[in-house]
Amino acid sequence: MSPDSTDPLIAGYRRFRADHWPAAKAEYEALAADGQTPHTLIVACSDSRADPALIFDAAPGQLFVVRNVANLVPPYEPDGKLHGVSAALEFGVKALNVSRIVVMGHAHCGGIAAMRDGAPEAVQDFVAPWIAQGTPVVRRIAETVEPDQIEQATEEAVVRLSLENLRTFPWIAEREAAGTLELTGLHFGIAEGMLRKLTSAPRFEPLS
C-alpha cells in the first residue's frame, strides 16, 4: 500500500471516522449486536462505477450485495465444486430470508463487451470461461437490434439471463411462486444516473 499520507483508501477511512462514524456509531453497534437483516439481495457487476449501496442510498445492513464480472448468475448446479455466487444466494435466501433479489446491470459493461467481441488475451484464465455463459444470448441479441442499440440491449439480455438462472434454484422458484420473494431486473445508466426496470415491455423502462 501507499504511505498513509498519500493512500486514498486510508484518506477515505479517516473521512469515514471523522465525518460519518460519530453519527452512525449507535447504528453499527446495533448491527454488531443484533446481526444483519437485509431486505434485498443484489447481484451486480464488479464495475467500480456502479455501486449498489450508493445508487440506492442504502444504510449498512439493508443490502446483501453479490458482485461479479457482468452481474451473472450461473444456473443451479449443486455439484460440490466452488460456486461463490450460488453460495451467496443460498445464504441470502435461506439464512437471511431476503424478500427481494435484484439483478442490476449497467451501461458500458466491459464483461458484456467481452461477450460480444471476445475476452482480451490478458484475462483468459478466469474471465473468459466465466463470461462464456452469457456469450450465446448476447451475440444472438446483437444480431436482432440496430447498431446503436446493441450495447444496452445486450446488457439487458444478461440481466434477463441471470433472472432466468435464478429461477433454476428450487428454493428461489418456490419462494417466488409463494409470493415471499420478488425478482427484479434493473439497468443503471452511468452517464445519466438513471435506473431502467425490466417490465412486460420489450426493453427496460425508466423508473419514475
Protein backbone atom coordinates (compact mmCIF):
# COMPACT_ATOMS: atom_id res chain seq x y z
CA MET A 1 0.00 0.00 0.00
CA SER A 2 0.98 3.64 -0.40
CA PRO A 3 2.30 5.58 2.57
CA ASP A 4 -0.57 6.60 4.83
CA SER A 5 -0.19 10.25 3.88
CA THR A 6 -0.94 9.57 0.19
CA ASP A 7 -3.05 6.41 0.28
CA PRO A 8 -6.58 7.18 -0.97
CA LEU A 9 -8.03 4.25 0.98
CA ILE A 10 -6.58 5.47 4.27
CA ALA A 11 -7.72 9.01 3.48
CA GLY A 12 -11.22 7.71 2.88
CA TYR A 13 -11.16 5.76 6.12
CA ARG A 14 -10.15 8.88 8.01
CA ARG A 15 -13.05 10.82 6.47
CA PHE A 16 -15.36 7.96 7.47
CA ARG A 17 -14.13 8.08 11.07
CA ALA A 18 -14.30 11.87 11.27
CA ASP A 19 -17.44 12.66 9.30
CA HIS A 20 -19.63 9.56 9.31
CA TRP A 21 -18.80 7.40 12.31
CA PRO A 22 -19.87 9.74 15.14
CA ALA A 23 -23.48 9.86 13.89
CA ALA A 24 -23.56 6.21 12.81
CA LYS A 25 -21.87 4.67 15.86
CA ALA A 26 -25.08 3.52 17.53
CA GLU A 27 -26.36 2.02 14.28
CA TYR A 28 -23.18 -0.01 13.79
CA GLU A 29 -23.23 -1.15 17.42
CA ALA A 30 -26.81 -2.40 16.97
CA LEU A 31 -25.83 -4.24 13.79
CA ALA A 32 -22.91 -5.85 15.58
CA ALA A 33 -25.11 -6.93 18.50
CA ASP A 34 -28.23 -7.99 16.59
CA GLY A 35 -26.82 -9.21 13.27
CA GLN A 36 -27.91 -8.28 9.77
CA THR A 37 -31.43 -8.41 8.38
CA PRO A 38 -31.13 -7.07 4.82
CA HIS A 39 -34.36 -6.75 2.87
CA THR A 40 -32.76 -7.15 -0.57
CA LEU A 41 -30.06 -9.26 -2.18
CA ILE A 42 -28.47 -7.51 -5.16
CA VAL A 43 -26.47 -9.25 -7.86
CA ALA A 44 -24.42 -6.51 -9.51
CA CYS A 45 -21.33 -6.09 -11.62
CA SER A 46 -17.94 -5.51 -10.02
CA ASP A 47 -17.57 -2.34 -12.10
CA SER A 48 -16.36 0.49 -9.85
CA ARG A 49 -18.81 2.96 -11.43
CA ALA A 50 -22.00 1.14 -10.40
CA ASP A 51 -22.06 0.81 -6.61
CA PRO A 52 -25.45 -0.51 -5.39
CA ALA A 53 -25.17 0.96 -1.90
CA LEU A 54 -24.57 4.42 -3.38
CA ILE A 55 -27.22 4.14 -6.11
CA PHE A 56 -29.92 3.03 -3.65
CA ASP A 57 -28.73 5.34 -0.84
CA ALA A 58 -28.72 2.29 1.42
CA ALA A 59 -27.68 2.20 5.05
CA PRO A 60 -25.45 -0.55 6.48
CA GLY A 61 -27.42 -3.75 7.00
CA GLN A 62 -30.04 -3.10 4.30
CA LEU A 63 -28.46 -4.74 1.23
CA PHE A 64 -26.74 -8.10 0.80
CA VAL A 65 -24.61 -7.48 -2.28
CA VAL A 66 -23.07 -10.06 -4.61
CA ARG A 67 -20.77 -8.56 -7.24
CA ASN A 68 -19.02 -10.26 -10.11
CA VAL A 69 -17.98 -9.64 -13.70
CA ALA A 70 -21.12 -8.79 -15.74
CA ASN A 71 -23.64 -9.44 -12.93
CA LEU A 72 -24.00 -13.08 -13.95
CA VAL A 73 -25.92 -15.76 -12.09
CA PRO A 74 -24.98 -19.30 -13.17
CA PRO A 75 -27.72 -21.96 -13.16
CA TYR A 76 -28.33 -24.17 -10.14
CA GLU A 77 -25.62 -26.82 -10.03
CA PRO A 78 -25.03 -28.38 -6.58
CA ASP A 79 -22.04 -30.48 -7.61
CA GLY A 80 -19.77 -29.88 -4.62
CA LYS A 81 -17.48 -27.52 -6.54
CA LEU A 82 -16.72 -23.90 -5.67
CA HIS A 83 -19.68 -21.68 -6.53
CA GLY A 84 -19.29 -18.24 -4.98
CA VAL A 85 -22.43 -16.65 -6.45
CA SER A 86 -24.59 -19.66 -5.63
CA ALA A 87 -23.24 -19.78 -2.07
CA ALA A 88 -24.13 -16.12 -1.57
CA LEU A 89 -27.61 -16.70 -2.99
CA GLU A 90 -28.15 -19.65 -0.66
CA PHE A 91 -27.07 -17.66 2.36
CA GLY A 92 -29.09 -14.59 1.42
CA VAL A 93 -32.28 -16.50 0.67
CA LYS A 94 -32.19 -19.40 3.12
CA ALA A 95 -30.31 -17.89 6.08
CA LEU A 96 -31.12 -14.17 5.83
CA ASN A 97 -34.58 -14.58 4.29
CA VAL A 98 -34.35 -11.60 1.97
CA SER A 99 -37.67 -10.63 0.39
CA ARG A 100 -36.24 -9.46 -2.94
CA ILE A 101 -33.45 -10.33 -5.34
CA VAL A 102 -32.38 -7.61 -7.76
CA VAL A 103 -30.12 -8.22 -10.74
CA MET A 104 -28.62 -4.88 -11.73
CA GLY A 105 -26.74 -4.47 -14.98
CA HIS A 106 -25.18 -1.21 -16.10
CA ALA A 107 -24.10 0.79 -19.12
CA HIS A 108 -20.70 0.34 -20.76
CA CYS A 109 -20.14 -3.06 -19.14
CA GLY A 110 -16.72 -4.44 -20.06
CA GLY A 111 -17.73 -8.00 -19.30
CA ILE A 112 -20.61 -7.88 -21.73
CA ALA A 113 -18.44 -6.16 -24.33
CA ALA A 114 -16.14 -9.18 -23.99
CA MET A 115 -19.10 -11.47 -24.61
CA ARG A 116 -19.75 -9.60 -27.84
CA ASP A 117 -16.15 -9.27 -29.01
CA GLY A 118 -14.15 -11.91 -27.12
CA ALA A 119 -12.25 -11.64 -23.85
CA PRO A 120 -8.86 -9.87 -24.01
CA GLU A 121 -5.81 -12.13 -24.06
CA ALA A 122 -4.78 -10.89 -20.62
CA VAL A 123 -7.86 -12.40 -18.92
CA GLN A 124 -8.15 -15.93 -20.32
CA ASP A 125 -7.69 -17.92 -17.10
CA PHE A 126 -10.91 -16.97 -15.35
CA VAL A 127 -12.74 -14.14 -17.12
CA ALA A 128 -13.03 -15.90 -20.48
CA PRO A 129 -14.70 -19.08 -19.15
CA TRP A 130 -16.86 -17.02 -16.76
CA ILE A 131 -18.34 -14.77 -19.43
CA ALA A 132 -18.79 -17.69 -21.86
CA GLN A 133 -22.05 -18.50 -20.12
CA GLY A 134 -23.56 -15.27 -21.45
CA THR A 135 -21.97 -15.19 -24.90
CA PRO A 136 -24.65 -17.10 -26.86
CA VAL A 137 -27.55 -14.90 -25.72
CA VAL A 138 -25.53 -11.70 -26.13
CA ARG A 139 -24.49 -12.49 -29.68
CA ARG A 140 -28.00 -13.58 -30.59
CA ILE A 141 -29.49 -10.32 -29.31
CA ALA A 142 -26.78 -8.29 -31.03
CA GLU A 143 -27.98 -9.64 -34.37
CA THR A 144 -31.58 -8.51 -33.80
CA VAL A 145 -31.22 -4.81 -32.91
CA GLU A 146 -29.93 -1.68 -34.60
CA PRO A 147 -26.19 -0.99 -34.18
CA ASP A 148 -26.77 1.96 -31.86
CA GLN A 149 -28.87 -0.27 -29.57
CA ILE A 150 -26.52 -3.23 -29.31
CA GLU A 151 -24.68 -2.19 -26.16
CA GLN A 152 -27.71 -1.57 -23.97
CA ALA A 153 -29.79 -4.38 -25.48
CA THR A 154 -27.09 -6.95 -24.74
CA GLU A 155 -26.64 -5.60 -21.20
CA GLU A 156 -30.38 -6.00 -20.65
CA ALA A 157 -30.21 -9.51 -22.11
CA VAL A 158 -27.70 -10.61 -19.49
CA VAL A 159 -29.95 -9.30 -16.71
CA ARG A 160 -32.75 -11.42 -18.18
CA LEU A 161 -30.43 -14.42 -18.39
CA SER A 162 -29.45 -14.08 -14.74
CA LEU A 163 -33.10 -13.85 -13.72
CA GLU A 164 -33.86 -17.00 -15.70
CA ASN A 165 -30.98 -18.77 -13.99
CA LEU A 166 -32.17 -17.61 -10.57
CA ARG A 167 -35.39 -19.47 -11.21
CA THR A 168 -33.48 -22.73 -11.66
CA PHE A 169 -32.69 -22.65 -7.92
CA PRO A 170 -35.60 -24.60 -6.40
CA TRP A 171 -35.71 -22.62 -3.16
CA ILE A 172 -35.83 -19.36 -5.13
CA ALA A 173 -38.53 -20.59 -7.50
CA GLU A 174 -40.59 -21.88 -4.58
CA ARG A 175 -40.43 -18.59 -2.71
CA GLU A 176 -41.24 -16.57 -5.81
CA ALA A 177 -44.26 -18.79 -6.51
CA ALA A 178 -45.40 -18.37 -2.91
CA GLY A 179 -45.13 -14.59 -3.13
CA THR A 180 -42.48 -14.30 -0.42
CA LEU A 181 -39.60 -13.45 -2.78
CA GLU A 182 -39.63 -10.91 -5.59
CA LEU A 183 -37.20 -10.96 -8.53
CA THR A 184 -36.39 -7.65 -10.21
CA GLY A 185 -34.20 -6.69 -13.16
CA LEU A 186 -32.62 -3.24 -13.41
CA HIS A 187 -30.13 -1.44 -15.64
CA PHE A 188 -28.13 1.59 -14.45
CA GLY A 189 -27.09 4.29 -16.89
CA ILE A 190 -23.77 5.61 -15.64
CA ALA A 191 -23.71 8.90 -17.52
CA GLU A 192 -27.26 9.97 -16.63
CA GLY A 193 -27.58 8.23 -13.26
CA MET A 194 -30.87 6.63 -14.30
CA LEU A 195 -32.28 3.22 -13.49
CA ARG A 196 -34.35 1.31 -16.02
CA LYS A 197 -36.53 -1.63 -14.98
CA LEU A 198 -37.49 -4.86 -16.68
CA THR A 199 -41.25 -4.89 -17.26
CA SER A 200 -43.51 -6.63 -19.75
CA ALA A 201 -42.25 -4.21 -22.43
CA PRO A 202 -39.61 -5.41 -24.92
CA ARG A 203 -36.99 -3.05 -23.48
CA PHE A 204 -36.27 -1.88 -19.95
CA GLU A 205 -38.26 1.22 -19.00
CA PRO A 206 -37.06 4.25 -16.96
CA LEU A 207 -38.08 4.33 -13.32
CA SER A 208 -40.08 7.43 -12.46
